[in-house]
Amino acid sequence: MTLAPRWFRVIGLAAVLVAVGGLIPVVGWIGAVLALCSTVLAIVEAVKLPATEDFAVQRDLPPCMASGASYGVTVAVRSLRRDPVHLLIHEEPPRAMDNDWADAVLNLVPGGVGALTYSVSPRRRGDHSFGDVWIRVGTRIGLVQRILRYPVTGWVRVMPAAVAPGKLPIASYRARERGTGMRAQRWTGAGRQFESLRDYAPDDDFRSVDWKATARRGKLTTREYQMERSQVILLALDLGRTMVGSAAGAVKTDHAINAALSLAQVSAACDDHVGLLTFDAAVRQWLPPRKGRAQLRRLVGALYAADAAKVEADYRGAADHVLRQCRSRSLVVVFTDVWEAGASARLSEELRRIARRHLVLCVGLSDGEVMRQARADPSDRDAVYRQAVALQMLHDRGEAIRHLQARGITVVDSTAERISADLVSRYLEVKRRALL
């Protein structure tokens, strides 16, 4: 129980009257009586103040969210008292979530229920905790008040944006259609798996003619191929210091994870086996390549709370792990970000080792803000300095990319807004051209 601001105002007024009583005794007596009455009333009100058991508090929130999406959270309070009450509700959303909560007032009748709903939008992946709900309740006169605490702490799991409803790649929807009996999508093109026979067309490769079928049918017949299925895709995610920085309002790790999960969903739709390796100074997680929805759930569970650390990534250890665990030829997609020539040289050396057995795709995230600074028209000294730094960063990045490409490593370098789409397009190109 605490004294309310109204009691202090009344006591302040009584003190002024008592002070004036030195000149006018009657006024002093009025102040003394006012102070005594307010104190007695405060004691009487304190006895009538509601207790914790007079209310039931419940918070309703989804058990799982996706970063960047918006969700509604409801705080409901039920009164168990027999008289009306006036409440001020205080909520504690996680700091890692944007929200529009503001402390609000509820007026409850006996046995009544009041609810307050607000929106939250998670900024980061991982587990986040909602705090306690606090209620400040007073009496009708308002001389005293009590603050009640309700431990309704709730944990919510925030998944990467790539698995949010409505954000799955089109190939994943095709996979869903296959599960509901609709016709499966066939990825025809320059693959190596036989798909069907058809009549020869003038622009067909003469090497695709099926001579036995041509002899049987009496006219030229061409073999139609489809892209190979059940191939192995390994997602290797660098969680070292180069992935700690931010780009487009989020850390680079978030963009890399969204791109990795988008590729995993498309690969699963193409019936490929998908595996995962995360590493920094040592190997953090390893998921052997498998296919199916269960593997996608494992990937999401492994990546939803992954964060980069300010340590030097051990590219050699990661390469050794890949070569030791993946015996058959695979598409190894490495998510990293390298600026310095020294780190680029170490990375390219290890990727070249992997490329002797596997097809390697290195994915980097370019910073759109750096590119804008490099193209901006400087108006003062600070702008000139920022542009010079941006140009040097772009030059170093270009050198690092050229260093990788000179050793036969394919590089996908895109902005945060384009990284997922560009990566999926490159993967489909690899499938169409039968490069794996």
Protein backbone atom coordinates (compact mmCIF):
# COMPACT_ATOMS: atom_id res chain seq x y z
CA MET A 1 0.00 0.00 0.00
CA THR A 2 1.25 3.49 -0.87
CA LEU A 3 -0.11 6.97 -0.32
CA ALA A 4 -1.60 8.48 -3.46
CA PRO A 5 -0.57 11.90 -4.83
CA ARG A 6 -3.97 13.28 -3.72
CA TRP A 7 -3.12 12.63 -0.05
CA PHE A 8 0.14 14.56 -0.40
CA ARG A 9 -1.70 17.48 -1.98
CA VAL A 10 -4.20 17.54 0.90
CA ILE A 11 -1.41 17.38 3.49
CA GLY A 12 0.44 20.14 1.66
CA LEU A 13 -2.65 22.33 1.80
CA ALA A 14 -3.06 21.54 5.52
CA ALA A 15 0.59 22.50 6.14
CA VAL A 16 0.03 25.86 4.42
CA LEU A 17 -3.04 26.48 6.58
CA VAL A 18 -1.15 25.61 9.74
CA ALA A 19 1.62 28.00 8.71
CA VAL A 20 -0.92 30.77 8.16
CA GLY A 21 -2.33 29.92 11.61
CA GLY A 22 0.56 31.83 13.14
CA LEU A 23 -1.23 34.98 11.96
CA ILE A 24 -4.83 33.74 11.96
CA PRO A 25 -5.32 31.01 14.62
CA VAL A 26 -8.64 29.80 13.18
CA VAL A 27 -7.01 29.00 9.87
CA GLY A 28 -4.34 27.03 11.69
CA TRP A 29 -6.97 24.96 13.48
CA ILE A 30 -8.67 24.25 10.13
CA GLY A 31 -5.37 23.00 8.71
CA ALA A 32 -4.77 20.71 11.68
CA VAL A 33 -8.26 19.23 11.41
CA LEU A 34 -7.81 18.74 7.65
CA ALA A 35 -4.53 16.88 8.21
CA LEU A 36 -6.06 14.68 10.90
CA CYS A 37 -9.16 13.84 8.85
CA SER A 38 -7.16 13.00 5.73
CA THR A 39 -4.90 10.68 7.73
CA VAL A 40 -7.85 8.89 9.31
CA LEU A 41 -9.57 8.52 5.92
CA ALA A 42 -6.35 7.16 4.42
CA ILE A 43 -6.20 4.49 7.13
CA VAL A 44 -9.84 3.53 6.58
CA GLU A 45 -9.31 3.35 2.81
CA ALA A 46 -6.19 1.23 3.25
CA VAL A 47 -8.29 -1.44 4.96
CA LYS A 48 -10.69 -1.52 1.99
CA LEU A 49 -8.01 -1.67 -0.72
CA PRO A 50 -8.30 -4.67 -3.10
CA ALA A 51 -5.74 -7.46 -2.74
CA THR A 52 -4.03 -9.63 -5.34
CA GLU A 53 -6.62 -12.38 -5.04
CA ASP A 54 -9.41 -9.93 -5.98
CA PHE A 55 -8.43 -10.07 -9.67
CA ALA A 56 -7.61 -12.74 -12.23
CA VAL A 57 -5.21 -11.70 -15.01
CA GLN A 58 -4.56 -13.54 -18.26
CA ARG A 59 -2.37 -12.74 -21.27
CA ASP A 60 -3.20 -14.25 -24.68
CA LEU A 61 -0.40 -14.33 -27.24
CA PRO A 62 0.60 -16.63 -30.11
CA PRO A 63 3.14 -19.30 -29.11
CA CYS A 64 5.19 -18.64 -32.23
CA MET A 65 5.91 -15.48 -34.22
CA ALA A 66 7.98 -14.51 -37.24
CA SER A 67 10.41 -11.60 -37.21
CA GLY A 68 9.09 -8.53 -38.98
CA ALA A 69 5.44 -9.61 -38.82
CA SER A 70 2.75 -7.99 -36.65
CA TYR A 71 0.73 -9.82 -33.99
CA GLY A 72 -1.98 -8.94 -31.49
CA VAL A 73 -1.54 -9.52 -27.75
CA THR A 74 -4.46 -9.29 -25.31
CA VAL A 75 -4.35 -8.67 -21.56
CA ALA A 76 -7.62 -9.58 -19.83
CA VAL A 77 -8.53 -8.72 -16.20
CA ARG A 78 -11.50 -10.22 -14.33
CA SER A 79 -12.77 -8.57 -11.14
CA LEU A 80 -13.78 -10.89 -8.28
CA ARG A 81 -14.96 -8.06 -6.03
CA ARG A 82 -18.53 -6.99 -5.19
CA ASP A 83 -17.96 -3.29 -5.82
CA PRO A 84 -16.83 -1.33 -8.90
CA VAL A 85 -13.09 -0.74 -9.24
CA HIS A 86 -10.87 1.65 -11.17
CA LEU A 87 -7.62 0.09 -12.43
CA LEU A 88 -4.49 1.25 -14.25
CA ILE A 89 -2.84 -1.60 -16.20
CA HIS A 90 0.90 -1.74 -16.91
CA GLU A 91 2.29 -4.35 -19.35
CA GLU A 92 5.92 -5.35 -20.07
CA PRO A 93 6.47 -6.47 -23.70
CA PRO A 94 9.92 -7.75 -24.70
CA ARG A 95 12.43 -5.05 -25.59
CA ALA A 96 13.23 -6.83 -28.85
CA MET A 97 9.69 -6.18 -30.12
CA ASP A 98 8.23 -2.96 -31.43
CA ASN A 99 4.85 -2.35 -29.80
CA ASP A 100 2.12 0.26 -29.38
CA TRP A 101 1.34 -0.49 -25.73
CA ALA A 102 0.40 2.42 -23.47
CA ASP A 103 -0.68 2.11 -19.83
CA ALA A 104 -4.47 2.18 -19.88
CA VAL A 105 -7.38 2.50 -17.43
CA LEU A 106 -10.06 -0.14 -16.90
CA ASN A 107 -13.32 0.46 -15.05
CA LEU A 108 -14.73 -2.88 -13.93
CA VAL A 109 -18.15 -3.61 -12.52
CA PRO A 110 -18.55 -6.43 -9.94
CA GLY A 111 -17.57 -9.68 -11.65
CA GLY A 112 -16.79 -7.82 -14.88
CA VAL A 113 -14.01 -8.52 -17.39
CA GLY A 114 -11.91 -5.92 -19.20
CA ALA A 115 -9.47 -6.58 -22.05
CA LEU A 116 -6.73 -4.49 -23.66
CA THR A 117 -5.26 -5.46 -27.04
CA TYR A 118 -2.06 -4.10 -28.56
CA SER A 119 0.26 -4.98 -31.44
CA VAL A 120 3.83 -6.28 -31.33
CA SER A 121 6.33 -6.76 -34.14
CA PRO A 122 9.46 -8.81 -33.32
CA ARG A 123 12.76 -7.40 -34.57
CA ARG A 124 14.96 -10.40 -33.74
CA ARG A 125 14.74 -14.15 -33.86
CA GLY A 126 15.00 -16.32 -30.76
CA ASP A 127 13.12 -16.80 -27.49
CA HIS A 128 11.62 -13.66 -25.98
CA SER A 129 9.87 -13.24 -22.65
CA PHE A 130 6.88 -11.08 -21.75
CA GLY A 131 7.15 -9.70 -18.24
CA ASP A 132 4.64 -9.43 -15.41
CA VAL A 133 1.39 -7.51 -15.54
CA TRP A 134 1.06 -4.75 -12.95
CA ILE A 135 -2.21 -3.23 -11.68
CA ARG A 136 -2.50 0.02 -9.75
CA VAL A 137 -5.78 0.17 -7.89
CA GLY A 138 -7.12 2.94 -5.62
CA THR A 139 -10.24 3.75 -3.66
CA ARG A 140 -13.16 6.07 -4.39
CA ILE A 141 -11.67 9.02 -2.47
CA GLY A 142 -8.22 8.27 -3.85
CA LEU A 143 -5.97 8.94 -0.85
CA VAL A 144 -4.19 5.57 -0.98
CA GLN A 145 -3.38 3.04 -3.67
CA ARG A 146 -1.93 -0.41 -4.05
CA ILE A 147 0.23 -1.87 -6.80
CA LEU A 148 -0.48 -5.52 -7.54
CA ARG A 149 1.90 -7.81 -9.44
CA TYR A 150 0.70 -10.79 -11.50
CA PRO A 151 3.45 -13.19 -12.68
CA VAL A 152 1.94 -14.15 -16.03
CA THR A 153 5.35 -14.28 -17.71
CA GLY A 154 5.08 -15.87 -21.14
CA TRP A 155 7.75 -17.06 -23.57
CA VAL A 156 7.30 -16.78 -27.31
CA ARG A 157 9.49 -18.26 -30.03
CA VAL A 158 10.32 -15.85 -32.87
CA MET A 159 11.11 -17.62 -36.13
CA PRO A 160 12.96 -16.19 -39.16
CA ALA A 161 10.88 -14.10 -41.55
CA ALA A 162 11.34 -16.67 -44.32
CA VAL A 163 8.95 -19.08 -42.55
CA ALA A 164 6.23 -16.50 -41.91
CA PRO A 165 2.82 -17.35 -43.44
CA GLY A 166 2.49 -15.88 -46.91
CA LYS A 167 6.25 -15.54 -47.43
CA LEU A 168 7.10 -19.02 -48.71
CA PRO A 169 8.65 -19.25 -52.18
CA ILE A 170 6.40 -20.36 -55.02
CA ALA A 171 8.13 -23.72 -55.23
CA SER A 172 6.99 -24.49 -51.68
CA TYR A 173 3.39 -23.87 -52.67
CA ARG A 174 3.93 -26.28 -55.55
CA ALA A 175 5.17 -28.82 -53.01
CA ARG A 176 1.97 -28.29 -51.02
CA GLU A 177 -0.10 -28.81 -54.18
CA ARG A 178 1.60 -32.15 -54.72
CA GLY A 179 0.54 -33.17 -51.22
CA THR A 180 -3.12 -32.36 -51.97
CA GLY A 181 -3.28 -34.44 -55.13
CA MET A 182 -2.59 -31.75 -57.70
CA ARG A 183 -0.24 -32.39 -60.60
CA ALA A 184 3.42 -32.27 -59.58
CA GLN A 185 5.61 -29.58 -61.07
CA ARG A 186 8.24 -30.97 -63.45
CA TRP A 187 11.42 -28.99 -63.86
CA THR A 188 12.29 -29.82 -67.46
CA GLY A 189 15.40 -28.56 -69.17
CA ALA A 190 19.02 -29.57 -69.60
CA GLY A 191 19.03 -32.17 -66.86
CA ARG A 192 20.24 -35.74 -67.13
CA GLN A 193 17.22 -37.73 -65.92
CA PHE A 194 14.94 -39.06 -68.66
CA GLU A 195 11.43 -37.60 -68.49
CA SER A 196 9.54 -38.37 -71.72
CA LEU A 197 9.65 -38.64 -75.52
CA ARG A 198 8.30 -36.08 -77.96
CA ASP A 199 8.48 -35.18 -81.64
CA TYR A 200 11.70 -33.62 -82.83
CA ALA A 201 11.68 -29.81 -83.16
CA PRO A 202 14.01 -27.85 -85.49
CA ASP A 203 15.82 -26.14 -82.61
CA ASP A 204 16.47 -29.36 -80.64
CA ASP A 205 19.99 -30.58 -80.04
CA PHE A 206 20.68 -33.38 -82.52
CA ARG A 207 22.37 -35.36 -79.73
CA SER A 208 19.01 -35.66 -77.91
CA VAL A 209 17.45 -37.72 -80.72
CA ASP A 210 16.36 -41.20 -79.57
CA TRP A 211 17.25 -43.35 -82.61
CA LYS A 212 15.51 -46.49 -81.38
CA ALA A 213 12.24 -44.63 -80.85
CA THR A 214 12.74 -42.89 -84.22
CA ALA A 215 13.09 -46.27 -85.94
CA ARG A 216 9.96 -47.63 -84.26
CA ARG A 217 7.82 -44.57 -85.01
CA GLY A 218 9.20 -43.75 -88.42
CA LYS A 219 9.91 -40.10 -87.55
CA LEU A 220 12.46 -38.19 -85.56
CA THR A 221 11.84 -38.45 -81.80
CA THR A 222 13.58 -36.46 -79.09
CA ARG A 223 14.28 -37.40 -75.50
CA GLU A 224 12.98 -34.91 -72.91
CA TYR A 225 15.05 -34.65 -69.75
CA GLN A 226 14.27 -33.20 -66.35
CA MET A 227 16.50 -31.79 -63.67
CA GLU A 228 17.98 -34.35 -61.32
CA ARG A 229 16.13 -34.90 -58.07
CA SER A 230 17.32 -36.05 -54.67
CA GLN A 231 20.62 -34.23 -54.94
CA VAL A 232 22.44 -32.94 -51.86
CA ILE A 233 22.40 -29.27 -50.85
CA LEU A 234 24.54 -28.22 -47.89
CA LEU A 235 23.94 -24.83 -46.26
CA ALA A 236 27.12 -23.59 -44.51
CA LEU A 237 26.48 -20.50 -42.40
CA ASP A 238 29.38 -18.38 -41.12
CA LEU A 239 28.55 -17.00 -37.65
CA GLY A 240 31.86 -15.20 -37.17
CA ARG A 241 32.61 -11.49 -36.78
CA THR A 242 31.98 -10.61 -40.44
CA MET A 243 28.27 -11.41 -39.94
CA VAL A 244 27.78 -9.26 -36.84
CA GLY A 245 27.15 -6.01 -38.73
CA SER A 246 23.80 -4.66 -39.94
CA ALA A 247 22.30 -4.12 -43.37
CA ALA A 248 18.86 -2.78 -44.34
CA GLY A 249 17.74 -2.45 -40.72
CA ALA A 250 18.67 -5.97 -39.59
CA VAL A 251 21.82 -7.90 -38.73
CA LYS A 252 23.46 -9.74 -41.61
CA THR A 253 22.84 -13.05 -39.89
CA ASP A 254 19.07 -12.53 -40.18
CA HIS A 255 19.29 -11.90 -43.92
CA ALA A 256 21.53 -14.94 -44.38
CA ILE A 257 19.18 -17.19 -42.41
CA ASN A 258 16.14 -15.97 -44.37
CA ALA A 259 17.94 -16.68 -47.64
CA ALA A 260 19.10 -20.10 -46.40
CA LEU A 261 15.58 -21.13 -45.36
CA SER A 262 14.11 -19.87 -48.63
CA LEU A 263 16.61 -22.01 -50.53
CA ALA A 264 15.89 -24.96 -48.24
CA GLN A 265 12.16 -24.75 -48.98
CA VAL A 266 12.73 -24.62 -52.74
CA SER A 267 15.24 -27.47 -52.54
CA ALA A 268 12.75 -29.57 -50.57
CA ALA A 269 10.14 -28.85 -53.26
CA CYS A 270 12.64 -30.21 -55.82
CA ASP A 271 13.02 -33.35 -53.66
CA ASP A 272 16.64 -32.58 -52.74
CA HIS A 273 18.40 -33.54 -49.53
CA VAL A 274 19.27 -30.44 -47.46
CA GLY A 275 21.86 -30.28 -44.68
CA LEU A 276 23.18 -27.55 -42.42
CA LEU A 277 26.53 -26.50 -41.01
CA THR A 278 26.96 -23.46 -38.76
CA PHE A 279 30.38 -22.40 -37.55
CA ASP A 280 32.44 -19.59 -36.06
CA ALA A 281 35.68 -20.40 -34.23
CA ALA A 282 34.44 -24.00 -34.21
CA VAL A 283 31.60 -26.01 -35.69
CA ARG A 284 28.41 -25.11 -33.83
CA GLN A 285 25.73 -27.27 -35.45
CA TRP A 286 25.64 -30.06 -37.98
CA LEU A 287 22.47 -31.52 -39.54
CA PRO A 288 23.14 -34.36 -41.99
CA PRO A 289 21.42 -33.85 -45.36
CA ARG A 290 17.90 -35.25 -45.47
CA LYS A 291 14.73 -34.46 -47.36
CA GLY A 292 11.12 -33.85 -46.42
CA ARG A 293 9.10 -31.55 -44.20
CA ALA A 294 10.63 -32.97 -41.04
CA GLN A 295 14.06 -31.81 -42.20
CA LEU A 296 12.70 -28.32 -42.86
CA ARG A 297 11.41 -28.21 -39.29
CA ARG A 298 14.83 -29.28 -38.04
CA LEU A 299 16.48 -26.50 -40.05
CA VAL A 300 14.11 -23.89 -38.64
CA GLY A 301 14.67 -25.20 -35.12
CA ALA A 302 18.44 -25.02 -35.58
CA LEU A 303 18.49 -21.52 -37.08
CA TYR A 304 15.75 -19.56 -35.30
CA ALA A 305 18.06 -18.59 -32.42
CA ALA A 306 21.44 -18.62 -34.24
CA ASP A 307 23.51 -15.45 -33.72
CA ALA A 308 26.91 -14.31 -34.91
CA ALA A 309 29.75 -13.79 -32.42
CA LYS A 310 32.70 -11.40 -32.52
CA VAL A 311 35.23 -14.14 -33.15
CA GLU A 312 37.32 -15.11 -36.16
CA ALA A 313 35.65 -17.80 -38.25
CA ASP A 314 37.63 -21.03 -38.67
CA TYR A 315 37.23 -21.66 -42.40
CA ARG A 316 39.71 -24.53 -42.34
CA GLY A 317 37.81 -26.37 -39.62
CA ALA A 318 34.54 -25.86 -41.49
CA ALA A 319 36.07 -27.13 -44.75
CA ASP A 320 37.50 -30.19 -42.99
CA HIS A 321 34.07 -30.96 -41.54
CA VAL A 322 32.36 -30.67 -44.94
CA LEU A 323 34.92 -32.90 -46.67
CA ARG A 324 34.74 -35.44 -43.86
CA GLN A 325 30.94 -35.62 -43.69
CA CYS A 326 29.90 -35.17 -47.36
CA ARG A 327 31.34 -37.93 -49.52
CA SER A 328 29.05 -37.61 -52.54
CA ARG A 329 29.16 -34.56 -54.80
CA SER A 330 26.98 -31.79 -53.34
CA LEU A 331 26.09 -28.15 -53.79
CA VAL A 332 27.77 -26.37 -50.87
CA VAL A 333 26.27 -22.91 -50.29
CA VAL A 334 28.47 -20.81 -48.00
CA PHE A 335 26.91 -17.73 -46.40
CA THR A 336 29.60 -15.28 -45.32
CA ASP A 337 30.75 -11.70 -45.74
CA VAL A 338 34.40 -10.88 -46.34
CA TRP A 339 35.93 -7.42 -46.79
CA GLU A 340 39.63 -7.77 -46.04
CA ALA A 341 42.04 -9.28 -48.56
CA GLY A 342 43.62 -11.51 -45.88
CA ALA A 343 40.32 -13.06 -44.79
CA SER A 344 39.30 -13.41 -48.44
CA ALA A 345 42.50 -15.30 -49.22
CA ARG A 346 41.91 -17.73 -46.33
CA LEU A 347 38.29 -18.24 -47.36
CA SER A 348 39.09 -18.78 -51.03
CA GLU A 349 41.81 -21.32 -50.20
CA GLU A 350 39.39 -23.42 -48.14
CA LEU A 351 36.55 -23.07 -50.66
CA ARG A 352 38.93 -24.22 -53.39
CA ARG A 353 39.63 -27.35 -51.33
CA ILE A 354 35.89 -28.03 -51.11
CA ALA A 355 35.43 -27.28 -54.84
CA ARG A 356 37.69 -30.19 -55.79
CA ARG A 357 34.88 -32.53 -54.78
CA HIS A 358 31.75 -30.35 -54.60
CA LEU A 359 30.11 -27.44 -56.42
CA VAL A 360 30.62 -24.34 -54.24
CA LEU A 361 28.40 -21.25 -54.16
CA CYS A 362 29.53 -18.33 -51.97
CA VAL A 363 26.75 -15.94 -50.89
CA GLY A 364 27.63 -12.40 -49.76
CA LEU A 365 25.43 -9.54 -48.61
CA SER A 366 26.22 -6.09 -49.98
CA ASP A 367 25.22 -3.05 -47.93
CA GLY A 368 22.81 -0.81 -49.80
CA GLU A 369 23.68 2.15 -47.57
CA VAL A 370 27.37 1.89 -48.50
CA MET A 371 26.43 1.86 -52.16
CA ARG A 372 24.22 4.91 -51.71
CA GLN A 373 27.00 6.78 -49.92
CA ALA A 374 29.41 5.93 -52.74
CA ARG A 375 27.01 7.31 -55.36
CA ALA A 376 25.92 10.38 -53.40
CA ASP A 377 26.89 13.90 -54.42
CA PRO A 378 28.94 15.19 -51.43
CA SER A 379 27.94 18.61 -50.15
CA ASP A 380 30.41 19.11 -47.28
CA ARG A 381 33.62 17.73 -45.80
CA ASP A 382 31.89 15.02 -43.81
CA ALA A 383 30.03 13.84 -46.90
CA VAL A 384 33.30 13.71 -48.86
CA TYR A 385 34.87 11.64 -46.08
CA ARG A 386 31.88 9.25 -45.96
CA GLN A 387 31.99 8.84 -49.73
CA ALA A 388 35.73 8.10 -49.66
CA VAL A 389 35.23 5.43 -46.99
CA ALA A 390 32.32 3.92 -48.92
CA LEU A 391 34.32 3.81 -52.15
CA GLN A 392 37.22 2.11 -50.37
CA MET A 393 34.86 -0.46 -48.84
CA LEU A 394 33.35 -1.22 -52.24
CA HIS A 395 36.84 -1.51 -53.77
CA ASP A 396 37.94 -3.95 -51.06
CA ARG A 397 34.75 -5.95 -51.49
CA GLY A 398 35.22 -6.10 -55.25
CA GLU A 399 38.78 -7.31 -54.79
CA ALA A 400 37.59 -10.01 -52.39
CA ILE A 401 34.94 -11.19 -54.85
CA ARG A 402 37.39 -11.24 -57.75
CA HIS A 403 39.80 -13.20 -55.58
CA LEU A 404 37.14 -15.86 -55.05
CA GLN A 405 36.04 -15.94 -58.69
CA ALA A 406 39.64 -16.30 -59.88
CA ARG A 407 39.74 -19.62 -58.01
CA GLY A 408 36.59 -20.93 -59.67
CA ILE A 409 34.15 -20.05 -56.86
CA THR A 410 30.70 -18.86 -57.96
CA VAL A 411 29.64 -15.77 -55.99
CA VAL A 412 26.14 -14.43 -55.37
CA ASP A 413 26.50 -10.85 -54.14
CA SER A 414 23.18 -9.07 -53.59
CA THR A 415 21.49 -6.54 -51.37
CA ALA A 416 19.31 -7.59 -48.44
CA GLU A 417 16.16 -7.03 -50.48
CA ARG A 418 17.33 -9.30 -53.33
CA ILE A 419 19.50 -11.93 -51.67
CA SER A 420 16.82 -14.66 -51.30
CA ALA A 421 15.44 -14.28 -54.83
CA ASP A 422 18.90 -14.14 -56.42
CA LEU A 423 20.07 -17.20 -54.51
CA VAL A 424 17.02 -19.26 -55.47
CA SER A 425 17.43 -18.18 -59.11
CA ARG A 426 21.07 -19.28 -59.10
CA TYR A 427 20.13 -22.62 -57.53
CA LEU A 428 17.50 -23.25 -60.22
CA GLU A 429 20.05 -22.31 -62.86
CA VAL A 430 22.44 -24.92 -61.43
CA LYS A 431 19.64 -27.48 -61.66
CA ARG A 432 18.68 -26.53 -65.22
CA ARG A 433 22.25 -26.63 -66.48
CA ALA A 434 22.98 -29.91 -64.66
CA LEU A 435 26.11 -28.42 -63.09
CA LEU A 436 25.90 -30.55 -59.97
